[in-house]
Amino acid sequence: MDPTQFIIVIAAVIFAVVVLRRISTIKAVESPAQSMTTAPSPILSIPPGPPSSLESEPARIPSVQVEKYVRQHVVEIAEENFPDDLGYNWWIHRFTHHGALSYAEAEADQDVGYERIQFVFSTLVEGIPKHIATYCLEEGAYYLLCVSPDAPTDLPRRKA
């Protein structure tokens, strides 16, 4: 496959994910009888993998600084991940820290297609935490939604 075909395939996959997310949001709006806590079923059901290698690395940025930074920038971080959902208010439910990874569980004040979102940050960088991945909550488990090129390749696809 040449690079042009590869780019076309990637663009088609991204487009399909966006369309499916929008369809699930429209269905939730059309069906008022559906519980607001019921999330759409995941596209792929992938068993959880082992923890990421970064979960055992020592963090360089203290967790207090990570939490402060994320609380101050959660709207900007969310809008980078959900560019169709600008102007929403976001709040952090909780933080968890595992080695060089910090997780911020967040929710928007309006529907973004998922019950909750979990933003993942690397704390191995100097200065500010680096957003490297995003998980979405569906049917009680977090599924990997997107990753940055800097993310470790061993991030689990599904987290319970």
N, C-alpha and C. Protein backbone atom coordinates (compact mmCIF):
# COMPACT_ATOMS: atom_id res chain seq x y z
N MET A 1 0.85 -1.17 0.00
CA MET A 1 0.00 0.00 0.00
C MET A 1 0.90 1.24 0.00
N ASP A 2 0.65 2.14 -0.94
CA ASP A 2 1.49 3.34 -0.98
C ASP A 2 0.99 4.37 0.05
N PRO A 3 1.77 5.40 0.33
CA PRO A 3 1.41 6.37 1.38
C PRO A 3 0.08 7.08 1.12
N THR A 4 -0.24 7.35 -0.14
CA THR A 4 -1.51 8.02 -0.45
C THR A 4 -2.69 7.13 -0.08
N GLN A 5 -2.62 5.86 -0.43
CA GLN A 5 -3.70 4.93 -0.07
C GLN A 5 -3.82 4.80 1.44
N PHE A 6 -2.71 4.77 2.12
CA PHE A 6 -2.71 4.66 3.58
C PHE A 6 -3.41 5.86 4.20
N ILE A 7 -3.10 7.05 3.72
CA ILE A 7 -3.73 8.27 4.24
C ILE A 7 -5.23 8.25 3.97
N ILE A 8 -5.64 7.79 2.80
CA ILE A 8 -7.06 7.72 2.47
C ILE A 8 -7.77 6.75 3.41
N VAL A 9 -7.16 5.61 3.69
CA VAL A 9 -7.76 4.63 4.59
C VAL A 9 -7.89 5.21 5.99
N ILE A 10 -6.85 5.86 6.48
CA ILE A 10 -6.89 6.47 7.81
C ILE A 10 -7.98 7.53 7.88
N ALA A 11 -8.07 8.37 6.86
CA ALA A 11 -9.10 9.42 6.82
C ALA A 11 -10.50 8.80 6.83
N ALA A 12 -10.69 7.70 6.10
CA ALA A 12 -11.99 7.03 6.07
C ALA A 12 -12.35 6.47 7.44
N VAL A 13 -11.38 5.90 8.13
CA VAL A 13 -11.63 5.35 9.47
C VAL A 13 -12.01 6.47 10.44
N ILE A 14 -11.28 7.56 10.40
CA ILE A 14 -11.58 8.70 11.29
C ILE A 14 -12.97 9.23 10.98
N PHE A 15 -13.30 9.37 9.71
CA PHE A 15 -14.62 9.85 9.33
C PHE A 15 -15.71 8.91 9.84
N ALA A 16 -15.49 7.60 9.72
CA ALA A 16 -16.48 6.63 10.18
C ALA A 16 -16.69 6.72 11.69
N VAL A 17 -15.62 6.89 12.43
CA VAL A 17 -15.73 7.01 13.89
C VAL A 17 -16.53 8.26 14.26
N VAL A 18 -16.24 9.37 13.60
CA VAL A 18 -16.96 10.62 13.87
C VAL A 18 -18.44 10.46 13.54
N VAL A 19 -18.74 9.86 12.41
CA VAL A 19 -20.14 9.66 12.00
C VAL A 19 -20.85 8.74 12.99
N LEU A 20 -20.22 7.65 13.39
CA LEU A 20 -20.84 6.73 14.35
C LEU A 20 -21.08 7.43 15.69
N ARG A 21 -20.16 8.24 16.12
CA ARG A 21 -20.34 8.97 17.38
C ARG A 21 -21.51 9.93 17.28
N ARG A 22 -21.61 10.62 16.16
CA ARG A 22 -22.72 11.56 15.96
C ARG A 22 -24.05 10.81 15.91
N ILE A 23 -24.09 9.67 15.23
CA ILE A 23 -25.32 8.88 15.13
C ILE A 23 -25.77 8.43 16.51
N SER A 24 -24.84 7.95 17.32
CA SER A 24 -25.21 7.50 18.66
C SER A 24 -25.72 8.66 19.50
N THR A 25 -25.17 9.86 19.30
CA THR A 25 -25.64 11.04 20.03
C THR A 25 -27.05 11.41 19.57
N ILE A 26 -27.30 11.35 18.26
CA ILE A 26 -28.63 11.67 17.73
C ILE A 26 -29.65 10.67 18.24
N LYS A 27 -29.32 9.38 18.25
CA LYS A 27 -30.25 8.36 18.75
C LYS A 27 -30.58 8.60 20.21
N ALA A 28 -29.58 9.00 21.00
CA ALA A 28 -29.84 9.26 22.42
C ALA A 28 -30.80 10.44 22.59
N VAL A 29 -30.70 11.44 21.73
CA VAL A 29 -31.59 12.59 21.80
C VAL A 29 -32.98 12.22 21.34
N GLU A 30 -33.10 11.36 20.31
CA GLU A 30 -34.39 10.97 19.77
C GLU A 30 -35.14 10.04 20.70
N SER A 31 -34.46 9.35 21.58
CA SER A 31 -35.09 8.36 22.44
C SER A 31 -35.08 8.83 23.90
N PRO A 32 -36.09 9.64 24.32
CA PRO A 32 -36.09 10.14 25.68
C PRO A 32 -36.28 9.05 26.71
N ALA A 33 -36.83 7.92 26.34
CA ALA A 33 -37.04 6.83 27.29
C ALA A 33 -35.72 6.19 27.69
N GLN A 34 -34.71 6.35 26.85
CA GLN A 34 -33.40 5.76 27.14
C GLN A 34 -32.77 6.50 28.30
N SER A 35 -32.21 5.76 29.23
CA SER A 35 -31.54 6.36 30.39
C SER A 35 -30.35 7.17 29.93
N MET A 36 -30.16 8.32 30.55
CA MET A 36 -29.03 9.17 30.20
C MET A 36 -27.70 8.55 30.62
N THR A 37 -27.76 7.55 31.50
CA THR A 37 -26.51 6.92 31.93
C THR A 37 -26.15 5.73 31.04
N THR A 38 -27.02 5.35 30.12
CA THR A 38 -26.72 4.24 29.24
C THR A 38 -25.83 4.72 28.11
N ALA A 39 -24.67 4.15 28.01
CA ALA A 39 -23.72 4.53 26.98
C ALA A 39 -23.89 3.63 25.76
N PRO A 40 -23.54 4.12 24.57
CA PRO A 40 -23.60 3.27 23.39
C PRO A 40 -22.62 2.11 23.51
N SER A 41 -22.95 1.02 22.83
CA SER A 41 -22.06 -0.14 22.90
C SER A 41 -20.77 0.15 22.15
N PRO A 42 -19.67 -0.40 22.63
CA PRO A 42 -18.39 -0.14 21.97
C PRO A 42 -18.35 -0.75 20.58
N ILE A 43 -17.57 -0.13 19.70
CA ILE A 43 -17.42 -0.64 18.35
C ILE A 43 -16.67 -1.97 18.38
N LEU A 44 -15.61 -2.02 19.14
CA LEU A 44 -14.82 -3.24 19.29
C LEU A 44 -14.78 -3.63 20.76
N SER A 45 -14.91 -4.88 21.03
CA SER A 45 -14.76 -5.34 22.41
C SER A 45 -13.41 -6.03 22.50
N ILE A 46 -12.43 -5.33 23.02
CA ILE A 46 -11.07 -5.84 23.09
C ILE A 46 -10.77 -6.12 24.55
N PRO A 47 -10.28 -7.31 24.86
CA PRO A 47 -9.99 -7.61 26.26
C PRO A 47 -8.89 -6.70 26.79
N PRO A 48 -8.94 -6.43 28.10
CA PRO A 48 -7.91 -5.54 28.64
C PRO A 48 -6.53 -6.15 28.52
N GLY A 49 -5.57 -5.29 28.27
CA GLY A 49 -4.19 -5.75 28.15
C GLY A 49 -3.45 -5.50 29.44
N PRO A 50 -2.18 -5.82 29.46
CA PRO A 50 -1.38 -5.54 30.65
C PRO A 50 -1.19 -4.05 30.82
N PRO A 51 -0.84 -3.60 32.02
CA PRO A 51 -0.61 -2.16 32.22
C PRO A 51 0.51 -1.66 31.32
N SER A 52 0.47 -0.38 31.03
CA SER A 52 1.50 0.24 30.20
C SER A 52 2.83 0.24 30.93
N SER A 53 3.91 0.17 30.16
CA SER A 53 5.25 0.20 30.76
C SER A 53 5.49 1.51 31.50
N LEU A 54 4.82 2.59 31.08
CA LEU A 54 5.00 3.88 31.76
C LEU A 54 4.36 3.89 33.14
N GLU A 55 3.48 2.93 33.42
CA GLU A 55 2.87 2.90 34.74
C GLU A 55 3.87 2.49 35.81
N SER A 56 4.99 1.91 35.41
CA SER A 56 6.00 1.53 36.39
C SER A 56 7.18 2.50 36.42
N GLU A 57 7.19 3.49 35.52
CA GLU A 57 8.26 4.50 35.48
C GLU A 57 8.02 5.55 36.56
N PRO A 58 9.07 6.08 37.15
CA PRO A 58 8.88 7.16 38.13
C PRO A 58 8.47 8.46 37.43
N ALA A 59 7.53 9.16 38.02
CA ALA A 59 7.06 10.42 37.45
C ALA A 59 8.09 11.52 37.69
N ARG A 60 8.20 12.44 36.74
CA ARG A 60 9.08 13.61 36.91
C ARG A 60 8.30 14.81 37.42
N ILE A 61 7.04 14.90 37.06
CA ILE A 61 6.21 16.02 37.50
C ILE A 61 5.37 15.53 38.68
N PRO A 62 5.42 16.20 39.82
CA PRO A 62 4.63 15.77 40.98
C PRO A 62 3.13 15.77 40.67
N SER A 63 2.39 14.83 41.25
CA SER A 63 0.96 14.69 40.96
C SER A 63 0.18 15.96 41.30
N VAL A 64 0.59 16.69 42.31
CA VAL A 64 -0.09 17.94 42.67
C VAL A 64 0.00 18.94 41.51
N GLN A 65 1.15 19.03 40.88
CA GLN A 65 1.31 19.95 39.74
C GLN A 65 0.51 19.47 38.54
N VAL A 66 0.46 18.15 38.32
CA VAL A 66 -0.32 17.60 37.21
C VAL A 66 -1.79 17.97 37.40
N GLU A 67 -2.32 17.72 38.59
CA GLU A 67 -3.73 18.01 38.85
C GLU A 67 -4.05 19.49 38.69
N LYS A 68 -3.17 20.35 39.18
CA LYS A 68 -3.38 21.79 39.05
C LYS A 68 -3.42 22.20 37.58
N TYR A 69 -2.46 21.70 36.79
CA TYR A 69 -2.41 22.03 35.37
C TYR A 69 -3.68 21.54 34.64
N VAL A 70 -4.07 20.30 34.89
CA VAL A 70 -5.22 19.74 34.18
C VAL A 70 -6.50 20.48 34.57
N ARG A 71 -6.68 20.79 35.83
CA ARG A 71 -7.88 21.54 36.25
C ARG A 71 -7.94 22.91 35.55
N GLN A 72 -6.80 23.55 35.38
CA GLN A 72 -6.77 24.86 34.73
C GLN A 72 -6.98 24.78 33.22
N HIS A 73 -6.65 23.62 32.61
CA HIS A 73 -6.68 23.52 31.15
C HIS A 73 -7.64 22.45 30.63
N VAL A 74 -8.53 21.93 31.46
CA VAL A 74 -9.38 20.82 31.03
C VAL A 74 -10.25 21.19 29.83
N VAL A 75 -10.75 22.41 29.76
CA VAL A 75 -11.60 22.80 28.62
C VAL A 75 -10.78 22.79 27.34
N GLU A 76 -9.58 23.34 27.37
CA GLU A 76 -8.72 23.35 26.17
C GLU A 76 -8.38 21.93 25.74
N ILE A 77 -8.05 21.09 26.70
CA ILE A 77 -7.70 19.69 26.39
C ILE A 77 -8.90 18.99 25.78
N ALA A 78 -10.08 19.19 26.35
CA ALA A 78 -11.29 18.54 25.84
C ALA A 78 -11.64 19.04 24.44
N GLU A 79 -11.49 20.34 24.21
CA GLU A 79 -11.83 20.88 22.89
C GLU A 79 -10.88 20.40 21.81
N GLU A 80 -9.63 20.09 22.18
CA GLU A 80 -8.70 19.49 21.22
C GLU A 80 -9.17 18.09 20.83
N ASN A 81 -9.78 17.36 21.77
CA ASN A 81 -10.25 16.01 21.51
C ASN A 81 -11.64 15.97 20.89
N PHE A 82 -12.46 16.98 21.19
CA PHE A 82 -13.84 17.03 20.71
C PHE A 82 -14.10 18.38 20.06
N PRO A 83 -13.51 18.62 18.88
CA PRO A 83 -13.61 19.95 18.25
C PRO A 83 -15.04 20.32 17.84
N ASP A 84 -15.94 19.34 17.75
CA ASP A 84 -17.34 19.65 17.42
C ASP A 84 -18.11 20.12 18.65
N ASP A 85 -17.53 19.97 19.83
CA ASP A 85 -18.22 20.27 21.08
C ASP A 85 -17.53 21.42 21.82
N LEU A 86 -17.45 22.56 21.17
CA LEU A 86 -16.77 23.72 21.75
C LEU A 86 -17.71 24.46 22.71
N GLY A 87 -17.13 25.09 23.70
CA GLY A 87 -17.90 25.91 24.63
C GLY A 87 -18.56 25.15 25.76
N TYR A 88 -18.29 23.86 25.88
CA TYR A 88 -18.87 23.08 26.97
C TYR A 88 -18.07 23.31 28.24
N ASN A 89 -18.72 23.16 29.37
CA ASN A 89 -18.03 23.19 30.65
C ASN A 89 -17.64 21.76 30.99
N TRP A 90 -16.44 21.58 31.47
CA TRP A 90 -15.93 20.27 31.85
C TRP A 90 -15.52 20.30 33.31
N TRP A 91 -15.72 19.20 33.99
CA TRP A 91 -15.22 19.10 35.35
C TRP A 91 -14.54 17.77 35.55
N ILE A 92 -13.60 17.77 36.46
CA ILE A 92 -12.82 16.57 36.77
C ILE A 92 -13.49 15.85 37.94
N HIS A 93 -13.76 14.57 37.77
CA HIS A 93 -14.32 13.76 38.86
C HIS A 93 -13.22 13.26 39.79
N ARG A 94 -12.13 12.79 39.18
CA ARG A 94 -11.04 12.28 40.02
C ARG A 94 -9.78 12.12 39.18
N PHE A 95 -8.68 12.03 39.89
CA PHE A 95 -7.38 11.76 39.29
C PHE A 95 -6.87 10.44 39.84
N THR A 96 -6.14 9.71 39.01
CA THR A 96 -5.37 8.56 39.47
C THR A 96 -3.98 8.68 38.85
N HIS A 97 -3.00 8.21 39.59
CA HIS A 97 -1.61 8.33 39.15
C HIS A 97 -0.96 6.95 39.25
N HIS A 98 -0.36 6.51 38.17
CA HIS A 98 0.36 5.23 38.12
C HIS A 98 1.70 5.47 37.45
N GLY A 99 2.75 5.52 38.25
CA GLY A 99 4.07 5.75 37.69
C GLY A 99 4.14 7.07 36.95
N ALA A 100 4.52 7.02 35.69
CA ALA A 100 4.66 8.23 34.87
C ALA A 100 3.39 8.59 34.12
N LEU A 101 2.28 7.93 34.44
CA LEU A 101 1.00 8.25 33.81
C LEU A 101 0.03 8.81 34.84
N SER A 102 -0.68 9.85 34.46
CA SER A 102 -1.75 10.41 35.29
C SER A 102 -3.03 10.37 34.48
N TYR A 103 -4.12 9.99 35.13
CA TYR A 103 -5.42 9.86 34.49
C TYR A 103 -6.38 10.87 35.12
N ALA A 104 -7.08 11.64 34.28
CA ALA A 104 -8.08 12.59 34.76
C ALA A 104 -9.43 12.15 34.20
N GLU A 105 -10.33 11.73 35.09
CA GLU A 105 -11.67 11.33 34.68
C GLU A 105 -12.54 12.57 34.65
N ALA A 106 -13.09 12.89 33.47
CA ALA A 106 -13.82 14.15 33.28
C ALA A 106 -15.18 13.91 32.64
N GLU A 107 -16.04 14.92 32.78
CA GLU A 107 -17.38 14.87 32.20
C GLU A 107 -17.76 16.27 31.75
N ALA A 108 -18.48 16.35 30.66
CA ALA A 108 -18.94 17.64 30.14
C ALA A 108 -20.36 17.91 30.63
N ASP A 109 -20.75 19.18 30.60
CA ASP A 109 -22.10 19.53 31.02
C ASP A 109 -23.12 19.26 29.92
N GLN A 110 -22.65 18.89 28.72
CA GLN A 110 -23.53 18.53 27.61
C GLN A 110 -23.03 17.21 27.02
N ASP A 111 -23.89 16.57 26.24
CA ASP A 111 -23.56 15.25 25.68
C ASP A 111 -22.47 15.36 24.62
N VAL A 112 -21.39 14.59 24.79
CA VAL A 112 -20.33 14.50 23.79
C VAL A 112 -20.29 13.10 23.18
N GLY A 113 -21.29 12.30 23.48
CA GLY A 113 -21.36 10.95 22.92
C GLY A 113 -20.89 9.87 23.88
N TYR A 114 -20.32 10.25 25.01
CA TYR A 114 -19.82 9.30 25.99
C TYR A 114 -20.19 9.78 27.39
N GLU A 115 -20.42 8.84 28.28
CA GLU A 115 -20.79 9.18 29.65
C GLU A 115 -19.70 9.96 30.35
N ARG A 116 -18.47 9.45 30.26
CA ARG A 116 -17.31 10.12 30.84
C ARG A 116 -16.11 9.90 29.93
N ILE A 117 -15.11 10.74 30.13
CA ILE A 117 -13.88 10.68 29.37
C ILE A 117 -12.73 10.58 30.36
N GLN A 118 -11.70 9.88 29.97
CA GLN A 118 -10.50 9.81 30.79
C GLN A 118 -9.31 10.28 29.94
N PHE A 119 -8.72 11.40 30.34
CA PHE A 119 -7.57 11.94 29.66
C PHE A 119 -6.32 11.38 30.34
N VAL A 120 -5.34 10.97 29.53
CA VAL A 120 -4.11 10.37 30.04
C VAL A 120 -2.95 11.32 29.75
N PHE A 121 -2.11 11.52 30.77
CA PHE A 121 -0.98 12.43 30.66
C PHE A 121 0.31 11.72 31.03
N SER A 122 1.36 12.02 30.28
CA SER A 122 2.69 11.55 30.63
C SER A 122 3.32 12.59 31.53
N THR A 123 3.93 12.11 32.63
CA THR A 123 4.60 13.02 33.54
C THR A 123 6.12 12.87 33.45
N LEU A 124 6.59 12.20 32.39
CA LEU A 124 8.03 12.05 32.18
C LEU A 124 8.66 13.28 31.55
N VAL A 125 7.82 14.15 31.00
CA VAL A 125 8.32 15.35 30.33
C VAL A 125 8.69 16.41 31.36
N GLU A 126 9.49 17.34 30.97
CA GLU A 126 9.83 18.46 31.85
C GLU A 126 8.79 19.57 31.65
N GLY A 127 8.45 20.26 32.72
CA GLY A 127 7.53 21.40 32.61
C GLY A 127 6.10 21.00 32.87
N ILE A 128 5.30 20.89 31.81
CA ILE A 128 3.87 20.59 31.97
C ILE A 128 3.59 19.15 31.54
N PRO A 129 2.52 18.55 32.08
CA PRO A 129 2.17 17.18 31.67
C PRO A 129 1.78 17.16 30.19
N LYS A 130 2.08 16.07 29.51
CA LYS A 130 1.77 15.94 28.09
C LYS A 130 0.58 15.01 27.91
N HIS A 131 -0.49 15.54 27.29
CA HIS A 131 -1.67 14.72 27.00
C HIS A 131 -1.31 13.71 25.91
N ILE A 132 -1.43 12.41 26.22
CA ILE A 132 -0.99 11.40 25.26
C ILE A 132 -2.09 10.46 24.79
N ALA A 133 -3.23 10.42 25.49
CA ALA A 133 -4.29 9.50 25.09
C ALA A 133 -5.61 9.91 25.72
N THR A 134 -6.69 9.39 25.13
CA THR A 134 -8.03 9.65 25.65
C THR A 134 -8.82 8.34 25.62
N TYR A 135 -9.48 8.04 26.72
CA TYR A 135 -10.36 6.88 26.83
C TYR A 135 -11.80 7.38 26.97
N CYS A 136 -12.77 6.57 26.50
CA CYS A 136 -14.18 6.91 26.68
C CYS A 136 -14.85 5.80 27.48
N LEU A 137 -15.78 6.17 28.35
CA LEU A 137 -16.49 5.21 29.19
C LEU A 137 -17.72 4.70 28.44
N GLU A 138 -17.77 3.39 28.25
CA GLU A 138 -18.91 2.73 27.61
C GLU A 138 -19.17 1.42 28.32
N GLU A 139 -20.41 1.24 28.76
CA GLU A 139 -20.84 0.00 29.42
C GLU A 139 -19.91 -0.39 30.56
N GLY A 140 -19.51 0.57 31.36
CA GLY A 140 -18.73 0.30 32.56
C GLY A 140 -17.24 0.10 32.36
N ALA A 141 -16.74 0.25 31.15
CA ALA A 141 -15.30 0.09 30.90
C ALA A 141 -14.82 1.26 30.04
N TYR A 142 -13.55 1.59 30.18
CA TYR A 142 -12.94 2.63 29.37
C TYR A 142 -12.29 2.00 28.14
N TYR A 143 -12.60 2.57 26.96
CA TYR A 143 -12.04 2.11 25.70
C TYR A 143 -11.16 3.21 25.13
N LEU A 144 -10.01 2.82 24.60
CA LEU A 144 -9.07 3.77 24.02
C LEU A 144 -9.72 4.45 22.82
N LEU A 145 -9.82 5.76 22.88
CA LEU A 145 -10.47 6.53 21.82
C LEU A 145 -9.44 7.10 20.85
N CYS A 146 -8.36 7.68 21.39
CA CYS A 146 -7.31 8.23 20.53
C CYS A 146 -6.01 8.32 21.31
N VAL A 147 -4.91 8.31 20.57
CA VAL A 147 -3.58 8.41 21.16
C VAL A 147 -2.75 9.40 20.35
N SER A 148 -1.78 10.00 21.01
CA SER A 148 -0.87 10.89 20.31
C SER A 148 0.30 10.04 19.80
N PRO A 149 1.05 10.56 18.85
CA PRO A 149 2.22 9.82 18.37
C PRO A 149 3.25 9.56 19.47
N ASP A 150 3.22 10.36 20.54
CA ASP A 150 4.17 10.21 21.64
C ASP A 150 3.73 9.17 22.67
N ALA A 151 2.54 8.62 22.51
CA ALA A 151 2.02 7.67 23.51
C ALA A 151 2.76 6.34 23.42
N PRO A 152 2.91 5.66 24.55
CA PRO A 152 3.54 4.34 24.49
C PRO A 152 2.65 3.38 23.70
N THR A 153 3.28 2.46 23.01
CA THR A 153 2.51 1.53 22.16
C THR A 153 1.80 0.46 22.97
N ASP A 154 2.13 0.35 24.25
CA ASP A 154 1.51 -0.71 25.04
C ASP A 154 0.36 -0.23 25.94
N LEU A 155 -0.24 0.93 25.61
CA LEU A 155 -1.43 1.36 26.36
C LEU A 155 -2.53 0.33 26.13
N PRO A 156 -3.24 -0.07 27.17
CA PRO A 156 -4.32 -1.05 26.97
C PRO A 156 -5.45 -0.45 26.14
N ARG A 157 -6.05 -1.26 25.28
CA ARG A 157 -7.18 -0.83 24.45
C ARG A 157 -8.45 -0.70 25.28
N ARG A 158 -8.53 -1.47 26.37
CA ARG A 158 -9.71 -1.46 27.24
C ARG A 158 -9.24 -1.50 28.69
N LYS A 159 -9.90 -0.70 29.52
CA LYS A 159 -9.60 -0.69 30.95
C LYS A 159 -10.90 -0.89 31.71
N ALA A 160 -10.90 -1.78 32.66
CA ALA A 160 -12.12 -2.04 33.44
C ALA A 160 -12.38 -0.92 34.41
